[in-house]
Amino acid sequence: MWIAHLFFASLFIGLGLLFFRGKGAFLIAGYNTSSKQEKEKTDVKALTRFMGKLMFFFSACFLIMATSDLLASMIPLWIGLALFLVGSIGAVIYANTGHRFQK
């Protein structure tokens, strides 16, 4: 099972590097489906950097989960899952309040 966790951690690291460089905005669902007028009002660089940081956080969560198999303990798995859930909910709230990514 730790191989799956490492696979997803590396996937999130790759996405994080892509987003952190300001690329890959077409992969962000809310941005991708918005109208052209909305896309012009969005600060794409700030949005992609935020998503890059979020992907790095998710990869850290999966690395924590991977240690559960190595330590033969369920505690790191539950900690990683809890962090993933809290980070997801927090990111949605942060991104959708305060007009943070508007020009």
PDB file of N, CA and C in Angstrom:
ATOM      1  N   MET A   1       0.816  -1.197   0.000  1.00  0.00           N
ATOM      2  CA  MET A   1       0.000   0.000   0.000  1.00  0.00           C
ATOM      3  C   MET A   1       0.857   1.256   0.000  1.00  0.00           C
ATOM      4  N   TRP A   2       2.053   1.185   0.577  1.00  0.00           N
ATOM      5  CA  TRP A   2       2.896   2.367   0.622  1.00  0.00           C
ATOM      6  C   TRP A   2       3.322   2.802  -0.772  1.00  0.00           C
ATOM      7  N   ILE A   3       3.326   1.882  -1.720  1.00  0.00           N
ATOM      8  CA  ILE A   3       3.678   2.249  -3.096  1.00  0.00           C
ATOM      9  C   ILE A   3       2.610   3.174  -3.677  1.00  0.00           C
ATOM     10  N   ALA A   4       1.355   2.905  -3.382  1.00  0.00           N
ATOM     11  CA  ALA A   4       0.271   3.763  -3.854  1.00  0.00           C
ATOM     12  C   ALA A   4       0.385   5.163  -3.244  1.00  0.00           C
ATOM     13  N   HIS A   5       0.710   5.218  -1.959  1.00  0.00           N
ATOM     14  CA  HIS A   5       0.872   6.515  -1.309  1.00  0.00           C
ATOM     15  C   HIS A   5       2.030   7.299  -1.927  1.00  0.00           C
ATOM     16  N   LEU A   6       3.127   6.608  -2.203  1.00  0.00           N
ATOM     17  CA  LEU A   6       4.267   7.285  -2.833  1.00  0.00           C
ATOM     18  C   LEU A   6       3.942   7.721  -4.254  1.00  0.00           C
ATOM     19  N   PHE A   7       3.157   6.923  -4.969  1.00  0.00           N
ATOM     20  CA  PHE A   7       2.745   7.299  -6.314  1.00  0.00           C
ATOM     21  C   PHE A   7       1.941   8.597  -6.282  1.00  0.00           C
ATOM     22  N   PHE A   8       0.943   8.658  -5.392  1.00  0.00           N
ATOM     23  CA  PHE A   8       0.122   9.862  -5.317  1.00  0.00           C
ATOM     24  C   PHE A   8       0.909  11.053  -4.783  1.00  0.00           C
ATOM     25  N   ALA A   9       1.840  10.816  -3.870  1.00  0.00           N
ATOM     26  CA  ALA A   9       2.691  11.907  -3.388  1.00  0.00           C
ATOM     27  C   ALA A   9       3.519  12.476  -4.541  1.00  0.00           C
ATOM     28  N   SER A  10       4.085  11.605  -5.373  1.00  0.00           N
ATOM     29  CA  SER A  10       4.877  12.088  -6.505  1.00  0.00           C
ATOM     30  C   SER A  10       3.994  12.779  -7.543  1.00  0.00           C
ATOM     31  N   LEU A  11       2.766  12.298  -7.714  1.00  0.00           N
ATOM     32  CA  LEU A  11       1.830  12.948  -8.621  1.00  0.00           C
ATOM     33  C   LEU A  11       1.511  14.363  -8.143  1.00  0.00           C
ATOM     34  N   PHE A  12       1.243  14.510  -6.849  1.00  0.00           N
ATOM     35  CA  PHE A  12       0.962  15.836  -6.304  1.00  0.00           C
ATOM     36  C   PHE A  12       2.197  16.734  -6.337  1.00  0.00           C
ATOM     37  N   ILE A  13       3.377  16.181  -6.170  1.00  0.00           N
ATOM     38  CA  ILE A  13       4.597  16.992  -6.287  1.00  0.00           C
ATOM     39  C   ILE A  13       4.743  17.498  -7.717  1.00  0.00           C
ATOM     40  N   GLY A  14       4.490  16.640  -8.694  1.00  0.00           N
ATOM     41  CA  GLY A  14       4.557  17.064 -10.098  1.00  0.00           C
ATOM     42  C   GLY A  14       3.554  18.163 -10.405  1.00  0.00           C
ATOM     43  N   LEU A  15       2.326  17.999  -9.929  1.00  0.00           N
ATOM     44  CA  LEU A  15       1.321  19.045 -10.124  1.00  0.00           C
ATOM     45  C   LEU A  15       1.711  20.324  -9.391  1.00  0.00           C
ATOM     46  N   GLY A  16       2.271  20.160  -8.201  1.00  0.00           N
ATOM     47  CA  GLY A  16       2.706  21.328  -7.437  1.00  0.00           C
ATOM     48  C   GLY A  16       3.777  22.120  -8.173  1.00  0.00           C
ATOM     49  N   LEU A  17       4.728  21.419  -8.759  1.00  0.00           N
ATOM     50  CA  LEU A  17       5.772  22.106  -9.529  1.00  0.00           C
ATOM     51  C   LEU A  17       5.185  22.819 -10.742  1.00  0.00           C
ATOM     52  N   LEU A  18       4.244  22.172 -11.403  1.00  0.00           N
ATOM     53  CA  LEU A  18       3.595  22.775 -12.567  1.00  0.00           C
ATOM     54  C   LEU A  18       2.844  24.037 -12.167  1.00  0.00           C
ATOM     55  N   PHE A  19       2.019  23.934 -11.137  1.00  0.00           N
ATOM     56  CA  PHE A  19       1.234  25.093 -10.698  1.00  0.00           C
ATOM     57  C   PHE A  19       2.113  26.194 -10.118  1.00  0.00           C
ATOM     58  N   PHE A  20       3.130  25.823  -9.361  1.00  0.00           N
ATOM     59  CA  PHE A  20       3.970  26.823  -8.705  1.00  0.00           C
ATOM     60  C   PHE A  20       4.707  27.698  -9.715  1.00  0.00           C
ATOM     61  N   ARG A  21       4.951  27.153 -10.889  1.00  0.00           N
ATOM     62  CA  ARG A  21       5.592  27.935 -11.956  1.00  0.00           C
ATOM     63  C   ARG A  21       4.610  28.844 -12.687  1.00  0.00           C
ATOM     64  N   GLY A  22       3.331  28.779 -12.313  1.00  0.00           N
ATOM     65  CA  GLY A  22       2.327  29.612 -12.957  1.00  0.00           C
ATOM     66  C   GLY A  22       1.713  28.980 -14.182  1.00  0.00           C
ATOM     67  N   LYS A  23       1.949  27.714 -14.378  1.00  0.00           N
ATOM     68  CA  LYS A  23       1.418  26.995 -15.539  1.00  0.00           C
ATOM     69  C   LYS A  23       0.285  26.071 -15.093  1.00  0.00           C
ATOM     70  N   GLY A  24      -0.442  25.539 -16.049  1.00  0.00           N
ATOM     71  CA  GLY A  24      -1.447  24.533 -15.779  1.00  0.00           C
ATOM     72  C   GLY A  24      -2.764  25.056 -15.255  1.00  0.00           C
ATOM     73  N   ALA A  25      -3.074  26.321 -15.493  1.00  0.00           N
ATOM     74  CA  ALA A  25      -4.349  26.869 -15.007  1.00  0.00           C
ATOM     75  C   ALA A  25      -5.534  26.137 -15.625  1.00  0.00           C
ATOM     76  N   PHE A  26      -5.359  25.554 -16.803  1.00  0.00           N
ATOM     77  CA  PHE A  26      -6.447  24.826 -17.446  1.00  0.00           C
ATOM     78  C   PHE A  26      -6.822  23.565 -16.664  1.00  0.00           C
ATOM     79  N   LEU A  27      -5.988  23.132 -15.729  1.00  0.00           N
ATOM     80  CA  LEU A  27      -6.290  21.963 -14.916  1.00  0.00           C
ATOM     81  C   LEU A  27      -7.139  22.300 -13.685  1.00  0.00           C
ATOM     82  N   ILE A  28      -7.305  23.575 -13.394  1.00  0.00           N
ATOM     83  CA  ILE A  28      -8.096  24.005 -12.244  1.00  0.00           C
ATOM     84  C   ILE A  28      -9.547  24.109 -12.696  1.00  0.00           C
ATOM     85  N   ALA A  29     -10.404  23.279 -12.110  1.00  0.00           N
ATOM     86  CA  ALA A  29     -11.773  23.140 -12.599  1.00  0.00           C
ATOM     87  C   ALA A  29     -12.554  24.451 -12.549  1.00  0.00           C
ATOM     88  N   GLY A  30     -12.495  25.187 -11.483  1.00  0.00           N
ATOM     89  CA  GLY A  30     -13.256  26.432 -11.390  1.00  0.00           C
ATOM     90  C   GLY A  30     -12.790  27.469 -12.386  1.00  0.00           C
ATOM     91  N   TYR A  31     -11.499  27.512 -12.620  1.00  0.00           N
ATOM     92  CA  TYR A  31     -10.967  28.450 -13.602  1.00  0.00           C
ATOM     93  C   TYR A  31     -11.270  27.977 -15.016  1.00  0.00           C
ATOM     94  N   ASN A  32     -11.139  26.702 -15.250  1.00  0.00           N
ATOM     95  CA  ASN A  32     -11.328  26.130 -16.575  1.00  0.00           C
ATOM     96  C   ASN A  32     -12.750  26.320 -17.089  1.00  0.00           C
ATOM     97  N   THR A  33     -13.739  26.246 -16.209  1.00  0.00           N
ATOM     98  CA  THR A  33     -15.130  26.328 -16.630  1.00  0.00           C
ATOM     99  C   THR A  33     -15.696  27.744 -16.581  1.00  0.00           C
ATOM    100  N   SER A  34     -14.906  28.710 -16.151  1.00  0.00           N
ATOM    101  CA  SER A  34     -15.419  30.088 -16.076  1.00  0.00           C
ATOM    102  C   SER A  34     -15.422  30.736 -17.462  1.00  0.00           C
ATOM    103  N   SER A  35     -16.212  31.794 -17.568  1.00  0.00           N
ATOM    104  CA  SER A  35     -16.321  32.487 -18.853  1.00  0.00           C
ATOM    105  C   SER A  35     -15.049  33.285 -19.135  1.00  0.00           C
ATOM    106  N   LYS A  36     -14.941  33.748 -20.351  1.00  0.00           N
ATOM    107  CA  LYS A  36     -13.759  34.506 -20.742  1.00  0.00           C
ATOM    108  C   LYS A  36     -13.651  35.804 -19.938  1.00  0.00           C
ATOM    109  N   GLN A  37     -14.783  36.433 -19.651  1.00  0.00           N
ATOM    110  CA  GLN A  37     -14.776  37.669 -18.864  1.00  0.00           C
ATOM    111  C   GLN A  37     -14.294  37.395 -17.442  1.00  0.00           C
ATOM    112  N   GLU A  38     -14.712  36.287 -16.872  1.00  0.00           N
ATOM    113  CA  GLU A  38     -14.265  35.928 -15.523  1.00  0.00           C
ATOM    114  C   GLU A  38     -12.778  35.591 -15.514  1.00  0.00           C
ATOM    115  N   LYS A  39     -12.309  34.909 -16.551  1.00  0.00           N
ATOM    116  CA  LYS A  39     -10.893  34.567 -16.620  1.00  0.00           C
ATOM    117  C   LYS A  39     -10.032  35.816 -16.703  1.00  0.00           C
ATOM    118  N   GLU A  40     -10.515  36.860 -17.381  1.00  0.00           N
ATOM    119  CA  GLU A  40      -9.760  38.103 -17.490  1.00  0.00           C
ATOM    120  C   GLU A  40      -9.670  38.828 -16.148  1.00  0.00           C
ATOM    121  N   LYS A  41     -10.641  38.610 -15.267  1.00  0.00           N
ATOM    122  CA  LYS A  41     -10.639  39.252 -13.956  1.00  0.00           C
ATOM    123  C   LYS A  41      -9.825  38.478 -12.914  1.00  0.00           C
ATOM    124  N   THR A  42      -9.358  37.295 -13.273  1.00  0.00           N
ATOM    125  CA  THR A  42      -8.666  36.433 -12.324  1.00  0.00           C
ATOM    126  C   THR A  42      -7.159  36.626 -12.404  1.00  0.00           C
ATOM    127  N   ASP A  43      -6.513  36.707 -11.236  1.00  0.00           N
ATOM    128  CA  ASP A  43      -5.055  36.750 -11.152  1.00  0.00           C
ATOM    129  C   ASP A  43      -4.549  35.305 -11.240  1.00  0.00           C
ATOM    130  N   VAL A  44      -4.207  34.896 -12.447  1.00  0.00           N
ATOM    131  CA  VAL A  44      -3.848  33.505 -12.711  1.00  0.00           C
ATOM    132  C   VAL A  44      -2.589  33.109 -11.955  1.00  0.00           C
ATOM    133  N   LYS A  45      -1.625  34.007 -11.866  1.00  0.00           N
ATOM    134  CA  LYS A  45      -0.372  33.683 -11.180  1.00  0.00           C
ATOM    135  C   LYS A  45      -0.619  33.393  -9.703  1.00  0.00           C
ATOM    136  N   ALA A  46      -1.429  34.216  -9.045  1.00  0.00           N
ATOM    137  CA  ALA A  46      -1.728  33.990  -7.627  1.00  0.00           C
ATOM    138  C   ALA A  46      -2.517  32.697  -7.440  1.00  0.00           C
ATOM    139  N   LEU A  47      -3.450  32.435  -8.332  1.00  0.00           N
ATOM    140  CA  LEU A  47      -4.257  31.220  -8.240  1.00  0.00           C
ATOM    141  C   LEU A  47      -3.404  29.970  -8.420  1.00  0.00           C
ATOM    142  N   THR A  48      -2.541  29.965  -9.410  1.00  0.00           N
ATOM    143  CA  THR A  48      -1.724  28.778  -9.658  1.00  0.00           C
ATOM    144  C   THR A  48      -0.682  28.584  -8.561  1.00  0.00           C
ATOM    145  N   ARG A  49      -0.135  29.662  -8.015  1.00  0.00           N
ATOM    146  CA  ARG A  49       0.821  29.516  -6.908  1.00  0.00           C
ATOM    147  C   ARG A  49       0.127  28.940  -5.674  1.00  0.00           C
ATOM    148  N   PHE A  50      -1.092  29.386  -5.408  1.00  0.00           N
ATOM    149  CA  PHE A  50      -1.849  28.827  -4.289  1.00  0.00           C
ATOM    150  C   PHE A  50      -2.101  27.339  -4.506  1.00  0.00           C
ATOM    151  N   MET A  51      -2.510  26.985  -5.715  1.00  0.00           N
ATOM    152  CA  MET A  51      -2.766  25.574  -6.012  1.00  0.00           C
ATOM    153  C   MET A  51      -1.480  24.747  -5.917  1.00  0.00           C
ATOM    154  N   GLY A  52      -0.352  25.335  -6.313  1.00  0.00           N
ATOM    155  CA  GLY A  52       0.930  24.641  -6.178  1.00  0.00           C
ATOM    156  C   GLY A  52       1.256  24.354  -4.727  1.00  0.00           C
ATOM    157  N   LYS A  53       1.060  25.336  -3.867  1.00  0.00           N
ATOM    158  CA  LYS A  53       1.306  25.125  -2.434  1.00  0.00           C
ATOM    159  C   LYS A  53       0.363  24.068  -1.870  1.00  0.00           C
ATOM    160  N   LEU A  54      -0.875  24.081  -2.328  1.00  0.00           N
ATOM    161  CA  LEU A  54      -1.845  23.090  -1.874  1.00  0.00           C
ATOM    162  C   LEU A  54      -1.429  21.682  -2.319  1.00  0.00           C
ATOM    163  N   MET A  55      -0.930  21.553  -3.535  1.00  0.00           N
ATOM    164  CA  MET A  55      -0.487  20.242  -4.019  1.00  0.00           C
ATOM    165  C   MET A  55       0.708  19.742  -3.206  1.00  0.00           C
ATOM    166  N   PHE A  56       1.627  20.634  -2.833  1.00  0.00           N
ATOM    167  CA  PHE A  56       2.753  20.233  -1.987  1.00  0.00           C
ATOM    168  C   PHE A  56       2.258  19.772  -0.613  1.00  0.00           C
ATOM    169  N   PHE A  57       1.250  20.460  -0.077  1.00  0.00           N
ATOM    170  CA  PHE A  57       0.666  20.054   1.198  1.00  0.00           C
ATOM    171  C   PHE A  57       0.034  18.666   1.080  1.00  0.00           C
ATOM    172  N   PHE A  58      -0.687  18.433  -0.010  1.00  0.00           N
ATOM    173  CA  PHE A  58      -1.310  17.120  -0.209  1.00  0.00           C
ATOM    174  C   PHE A  58      -0.259  16.024  -0.354  1.00  0.00           C
ATOM    175  N   SER A  59       0.846  16.335  -1.018  1.00  0.00           N
ATOM    176  CA  SER A  59       1.898  15.318  -1.148  1.00  0.00           C
ATOM    177  C   SER A  59       2.495  14.995   0.222  1.00  0.00           C
ATOM    178  N   ALA A  60       2.631  15.998   1.083  1.00  0.00           N
ATOM    179  CA  ALA A  60       3.116  15.736   2.441  1.00  0.00           C
ATOM    180  C   ALA A  60       2.141  14.850   3.204  1.00  0.00           C
ATOM    181  N   CYS A  61       0.851  15.067   2.998  1.00  0.00           N
ATOM    182  CA  CYS A  61      -0.162  14.209   3.639  1.00  0.00           C
ATOM    183  C   CYS A  61      -0.001  12.763   3.192  1.00  0.00           C
ATOM    184  N   PHE A  62       0.228  12.543   1.911  1.00  0.00           N
ATOM    185  CA  PHE A  62       0.391  11.182   1.418  1.00  0.00           C
ATOM    186  C   PHE A  62       1.694  10.564   1.913  1.00  0.00           C
ATOM    187  N   LEU A  63       2.727  11.362   2.092  1.00  0.00           N
ATOM    188  CA  LEU A  63       3.976  10.826   2.643  1.00  0.00           C
ATOM    189  C   LEU A  63       3.780  10.418   4.099  1.00  0.00           C
ATOM    190  N   ILE A  64       2.994  11.190   4.835  1.00  0.00           N
ATOM    191  CA  ILE A  64       2.675  10.806   6.212  1.00  0.00           C
ATOM    192  C   ILE A  64       1.897   9.500   6.219  1.00  0.00           C
ATOM    193  N   MET A  65       0.952   9.370   5.295  1.00  0.00           N
ATOM    194  CA  MET A  65       0.177   8.131   5.204  1.00  0.00           C
ATOM    195  C   MET A  65       1.066   6.942   4.852  1.00  0.00           C
ATOM    196  N   ALA A  66       2.068   7.173   4.028  1.00  0.00           N
ATOM    197  CA  ALA A  66       2.958   6.082   3.620  1.00  0.00           C
ATOM    198  C   ALA A  66       3.753   5.540   4.802  1.00  0.00           C
ATOM    199  N   THR A  67       4.027   6.390   5.784  1.00  0.00           N
ATOM    200  CA  THR A  67       4.784   5.917   6.939  1.00  0.00           C
ATOM    201  C   THR A  67       3.979   4.940   7.796  1.00  0.00           C
ATOM    202  N   SER A  68       2.658   4.933   7.642  1.00  0.00           N
ATOM    203  CA  SER A  68       1.856   4.002   8.441  1.00  0.00           C
ATOM    204  C   SER A  68       2.193   2.547   8.107  1.00  0.00           C
ATOM    205  N   ASP A  69       2.467   2.265   6.851  1.00  0.00           N
ATOM    206  CA  ASP A  69       2.842   0.903   6.474  1.00  0.00           C
ATOM    207  C   ASP A  69       4.250   0.564   6.958  1.00  0.00           C
ATOM    208  N   LEU A  70       5.124   1.538   6.899  1.00  0.00           N
ATOM    209  CA  LEU A  70       6.502   1.285   7.324  1.00  0.00           C
ATOM    210  C   LEU A  70       6.599   1.100   8.835  1.00  0.00           C
ATOM    211  N   LEU A  71       5.760   1.804   9.585  1.00  0.00           N
ATOM    212  CA  LEU A  71       5.782   1.703  11.043  1.00  0.00           C
ATOM    213  C   LEU A  71       4.800   0.660  11.576  1.00  0.00           C
ATOM    214  N   ALA A  72       4.008   0.076  10.687  1.00  0.00           N
ATOM    215  CA  ALA A  72       2.980  -0.907  11.061  1.00  0.00           C
ATOM    216  C   ALA A  72       2.038  -0.330  12.112  1.00  0.00           C
ATOM    217  N   SER A  73       1.626   0.917  11.876  1.00  0.00           N
ATOM    218  CA  SER A  73       0.718   1.600  12.794  1.00  0.00           C
ATOM    219  C   SER A  73      -0.309   2.370  11.965  1.00  0.00           C
ATOM    220  N   MET A  74      -1.525   2.412  12.449  1.00  0.00           N
ATOM    221  CA  MET A  74      -2.586   3.132  11.745  1.00  0.00           C
ATOM    222  C   MET A  74      -2.602   4.623  12.090  1.00  0.00           C
ATOM    223  N   ILE A  75      -1.877   5.019  13.099  1.00  0.00           N
ATOM    224  CA  ILE A  75      -1.912   6.417  13.550  1.00  0.00           C
ATOM    225  C   ILE A  75      -1.450   7.379  12.449  1.00  0.00           C
ATOM    226  N   PRO A  76      -0.315   7.148  11.769  1.00  0.00           N
ATOM    227  CA  PRO A  76       0.064   8.074  10.691  1.00  0.00           C
ATOM    228  C   PRO A  76      -0.954   8.120   9.550  1.00  0.00           C
ATOM    229  N   LEU A  77      -1.602   7.008   9.272  1.00  0.00           N
ATOM    230  CA  LEU A  77      -2.628   6.996   8.226  1.00  0.00           C
ATOM    231  C   LEU A  77      -3.772   7.923   8.598  1.00  0.00           C
ATOM    232  N   TRP A  78      -4.248   7.837   9.825  1.00  0.00           N
ATOM    233  CA  TRP A  78      -5.353   8.688  10.255  1.00  0.00           C
ATOM    234  C   TRP A  78      -4.939  10.155  10.349  1.00  0.00           C
ATOM    235  N   ILE A  79      -3.707  10.399  10.753  1.00  0.00           N
ATOM    236  CA  ILE A  79      -3.217  11.782  10.803  1.00  0.00           C
ATOM    237  C   ILE A  79      -3.144  12.354   9.392  1.00  0.00           C
ATOM    238  N   GLY A  80      -2.600  11.592   8.456  1.00  0.00           N
ATOM    239  CA  GLY A  80      -2.517  12.047   7.070  1.00  0.00           C
ATOM    240  C   GLY A  80      -3.882  12.283   6.450  1.00  0.00           C
ATOM    241  N   LEU A  81      -4.815  11.384   6.717  1.00  0.00           N
ATOM    242  CA  LEU A  81      -6.172  11.557   6.193  1.00  0.00           C
ATOM    243  C   LEU A  81      -6.856  12.781   6.795  1.00  0.00           C
ATOM    244  N   ALA A  82      -6.665  12.984   8.099  1.00  0.00           N
ATOM    245  CA  ALA A  82      -7.269  14.148   8.756  1.00  0.00           C
ATOM    246  C   ALA A  82      -6.676  15.440   8.202  1.00  0.00           C
ATOM    247  N   LEU A  83      -5.364  15.476   8.019  1.00  0.00           N
ATOM    248  CA  LEU A  83      -4.733  16.667   7.445  1.00  0.00           C
ATOM    249  C   LEU A  83      -5.215  16.921   6.020  1.00  0.00           C
ATOM    250  N   PHE A  84      -5.368  15.851   5.246  1.00  0.00           N
ATOM    251  CA  PHE A  84      -5.849  15.979   3.879  1.00  0.00           C
ATOM    252  C   PHE A  84      -7.260  16.569   3.861  1.00  0.00           C
ATOM    253  N   LEU A  85      -8.120  16.068   4.728  1.00  0.00           N
ATOM    254  CA  LEU A  85      -9.495  16.550   4.792  1.00  0.00           C
ATOM    255  C   LEU A  85      -9.555  18.005   5.264  1.00  0.00           C
ATOM    256  N   VAL A  86      -8.835  18.317   6.321  1.00  0.00           N
ATOM    257  CA  VAL A  86      -8.822  19.693   6.846  1.00  0.00           C
ATOM    258  C   VAL A  86      -8.220  20.645   5.819  1.00  0.00           C
ATOM    259  N   GLY A  87      -7.146  20.222   5.151  1.00  0.00           N
ATOM    260  CA  GLY A  87      -6.537  21.056   4.120  1.00  0.00           C
ATOM    261  C   GLY A  87      -7.462  21.299   2.947  1.00  0.00           C
ATOM    262  N   SER A  88      -8.197  20.287   2.547  1.00  0.00           N
ATOM    263  CA  SER A  88      -9.142  20.424   1.432  1.00  0.00           C
ATOM    264  C   SER A  88     -10.249  21.415   1.770  1.00  0.00           C
ATOM    265  N   ILE A  89     -10.846  21.234   2.931  1.00  0.00           N
ATOM    266  CA  ILE A  89     -11.924  22.132   3.340  1.00  0.00           C
ATOM    267  C   ILE A  89     -11.400  23.548   3.537  1.00  0.00           C
ATOM    268  N   GLY A  90     -10.243  23.668   4.166  1.00  0.00           N
ATOM    269  CA  GLY A  90      -9.644  24.987   4.370  1.00  0.00           C
ATOM    270  C   GLY A  90      -9.302  25.682   3.064  1.00  0.00           C
ATOM    271  N   ALA A  91      -8.808  24.936   2.091  1.00  0.00           N
ATOM    272  CA  ALA A  91      -8.461  25.524   0.796  1.00  0.00           C
ATOM    273  C   ALA A  91      -9.692  26.021   0.060  1.00  0.00           C
ATOM    274  N   VAL A  92     -10.783  25.262   0.135  1.00  0.00           N
ATOM    275  CA  VAL A  92     -12.022  25.694  -0.517  1.00  0.00           C
ATOM    276  C   VAL A  92     -12.539  26.975   0.123  1.00  0.00           C
ATOM    277  N   ILE A  93     -12.516  27.023   1.434  1.00  0.00           N
ATOM    278  CA  ILE A  93     -12.976  28.231   2.130  1.00  0.00           C
ATOM    279  C   ILE A  93     -12.073  29.411   1.803  1.00  0.00           C
ATOM    280  N   TYR A  94     -10.758  29.197   1.869  1.00  0.00           N
ATOM    281  CA  TYR A  94      -9.804  30.275   1.598  1.00  0.00           C
ATOM    282  C   TYR A  94      -9.940  30.794   0.169  1.00  0.00           C
ATOM    283  N   ALA A  95     -10.077  29.895  -0.784  1.00  0.00           N
ATOM    284  CA  ALA A  95     -10.121  30.305  -2.196  1.00  0.00           C
ATOM    285  C   ALA A  95     -11.417  31.016  -2.567  1.00  0.00           C
ATOM    286  N   ASN A  96     -12.499  30.703  -1.866  1.00  0.00           N
ATOM    287  CA  ASN A  96     -13.787  31.247  -2.248  1.00  0.00           C
ATOM    288  C   ASN A  96     -14.252  32.409  -1.379  1.00  0.00           C
ATOM    289  N   THR A  97     -13.433  32.880  -0.490  1.00  0.00           N
ATOM    290  CA  THR A  97     -13.795  34.036   0.331  1.00  0.00           C
ATOM    291  C   THR A  97     -12.753  35.135   0.136  1.00  0.00           C
ATOM    292  N   GLY A  98     -13.177  36.357   0.242  1.00  0.00           N
ATOM    293  CA  GLY A  98     -12.254  37.479   0.237  1.00  0.00           C
ATOM    294  C   GLY A  98     -11.749  37.927  -1.120  1.00  0.00           C
ATOM    295  N   HIS A  99     -12.215  37.358  -2.209  1.00  0.00           N
ATOM    296  CA  HIS A  99     -11.787  37.769  -3.561  1.00  0.00           C
ATOM    297  C   HIS A  99     -10.264  37.802  -3.665  1.00  0.00           C
ATOM    298  N   ARG A 100      -9.610  36.764  -3.164  1.00  0.00           N
ATOM    299  CA  ARG A 100      -8.140  36.715  -3.122  1.00  0.00           C
ATOM    300  C   ARG A 100      -7.496  36.612  -4.498  1.00  0.00           C
ATOM    301  N   PHE A 101      -8.179  36.058  -5.448  1.00  0.00           N
ATOM    302  CA  PHE A 101      -7.565  35.815  -6.751  1.00  0.00           C
ATOM    303  C   PHE A 101      -8.149  36.721  -7.836  1.00  0.00           C
ATOM    304  N   GLN A 102      -8.714  37.837  -7.444  1.00  0.00           N
ATOM    305  CA  GLN A 102      -9.224  38.823  -8.395  1.00  0.00           C
ATOM    306  C   GLN A 102      -8.138  39.860  -8.663  1.00  0.00           C
ATOM    307  N   LYS A 103      -8.100  40.347  -9.879  1.00  0.00           N
ATOM    308  CA  LYS A 103      -7.125  41.393 -10.230  1.00  0.00           C
ATOM    309  C   LYS A 103      -7.560  42.706  -9.626  1.00  0.00           C
TER     310      LYS A 103
END
